[in-house]
Protein backbone atom coordinates (compact mmCIF):
# COMPACT_ATOMS: atom_id res chain seq x y z
CA UNK A 1 16.79 -25.92 14.67
CA UNK A 2 13.53 -26.39 16.59
CA UNK A 3 10.61 -27.51 14.48
CA UNK A 4 6.94 -26.88 14.94
CA UNK A 5 5.00 -30.13 15.08
CA UNK A 6 2.41 -30.83 12.42
CA UNK A 7 -1.12 -30.47 13.75
CA UNK A 8 -2.93 -33.79 13.77
CA UNK A 9 -6.41 -32.27 13.64
CA UNK A 10 -6.00 -30.42 10.33
CA UNK A 11 -7.56 -30.82 6.90
CA UNK A 12 -5.69 -31.99 3.81
CA UNK A 13 -5.01 -28.44 2.57
CA UNK A 14 -3.37 -27.52 5.87
CA UNK A 15 -1.44 -30.77 5.96
CA UNK A 16 -0.29 -30.12 2.40
CA UNK A 17 1.11 -26.74 3.49
CA UNK A 18 2.90 -28.34 6.45
CA UNK A 19 4.36 -31.06 4.24
CA UNK A 20 5.61 -28.44 1.77
CA UNK A 21 7.36 -26.71 4.68
CA UNK A 22 8.82 -30.04 5.80
CA UNK A 23 10.03 -30.73 2.23
CA UNK A 24 11.62 -27.28 2.05
CA UNK A 25 13.28 -27.59 5.49
CA UNK A 26 14.60 -31.14 5.14
CA UNK A 27 14.10 -32.57 1.64
CA UNK A 28 16.12 -35.73 2.28
CA UNK A 29 14.09 -36.69 5.33
CA UNK A 30 10.88 -35.72 3.54
CA UNK A 31 11.70 -38.07 0.65
CA UNK A 32 12.43 -40.89 3.09
CA UNK A 33 9.33 -40.44 5.21
CA UNK A 34 6.69 -39.15 2.80
CA UNK A 35 7.25 -39.22 -0.96
CA UNK A 36 9.47 -42.31 -0.85
CA UNK A 37 6.84 -44.15 1.18
CA UNK A 38 4.17 -43.25 -1.38
CA UNK A 39 6.33 -44.68 -4.19
CA UNK A 40 6.91 -47.84 -2.14
CA UNK A 41 3.17 -48.09 -1.43
CA UNK A 42 2.34 -47.75 -5.13
CA UNK A 43 4.70 -50.58 -6.04
CA UNK A 44 3.10 -52.75 -3.36
CA UNK A 45 -0.46 -51.81 -4.39
CA UNK A 46 0.18 -52.44 -8.08
CA UNK A 47 1.25 -55.98 -7.23
CA UNK A 48 -1.93 -56.60 -5.22
CA UNK A 49 -4.58 -54.67 -7.16
CA UNK A 50 -4.40 -56.83 -10.26
CA UNK A 51 -7.47 -58.79 -9.17
CA UNK A 52 -11.13 -58.41 -10.13
CA UNK A 53 -13.46 -56.49 -7.81
CA UNK A 54 -13.08 -53.58 -5.45
CA UNK A 55 -10.33 -53.15 -2.91
CA UNK A 56 -10.30 -50.99 0.21
CA UNK A 57 -6.95 -49.47 1.12
CA UNK A 58 -6.75 -47.51 4.37
CA UNK A 59 -3.93 -44.97 4.67
CA UNK A 60 -3.13 -41.97 6.80
CA UNK A 61 -3.95 -38.48 5.62
CA UNK A 62 -0.35 -37.63 4.70
CA UNK A 63 -0.59 -40.18 1.86
CA UNK A 64 -3.35 -38.03 0.30
CA UNK A 65 -1.60 -34.66 0.37
CA UNK A 66 0.96 -33.16 -2.03
CA UNK A 67 1.09 -33.67 -5.80
CA UNK A 68 2.69 -37.13 -5.41
CA UNK A 69 -0.18 -38.46 -3.29
CA UNK A 70 -1.39 -42.05 -3.60
CA UNK A 71 -4.56 -41.12 -5.50
CA UNK A 72 -2.52 -39.26 -8.13
CA UNK A 73 0.04 -42.04 -8.39
CA UNK A 74 -2.72 -44.63 -8.84
CA UNK A 75 -4.36 -42.46 -11.53
CA UNK A 76 -1.04 -42.40 -13.39
CA UNK A 77 -1.41 -46.20 -13.62
CA UNK A 78 -5.05 -45.91 -14.83
CA UNK A 79 -6.39 -47.18 -11.53
CA UNK A 80 -9.57 -45.48 -10.36
CA UNK A 81 -9.36 -44.55 -6.71
CA UNK A 82 -11.17 -42.11 -4.47
CA UNK A 83 -11.01 -40.82 -0.95
CA UNK A 84 -13.77 -41.90 1.43
CA UNK A 85 -14.36 -40.58 4.92
């Protein structure tokens, strides 16, 4: 099955729609490449964010889309985080 590529010049809402389509079309690959990576990133961040002060974490836009995005996962661990542009 031919797939349409995800546009790289889109906003988060558009990316979220594309990721939902990707999840619907190939959920196993989606888990490996997107949601699974976010869970791995959270585990890594939790190990390294237990220090005083502010921390800057730079991630690609796909980590900020979907309900299981990094900001939401951090909030579930009572860690205040926000998107900056």
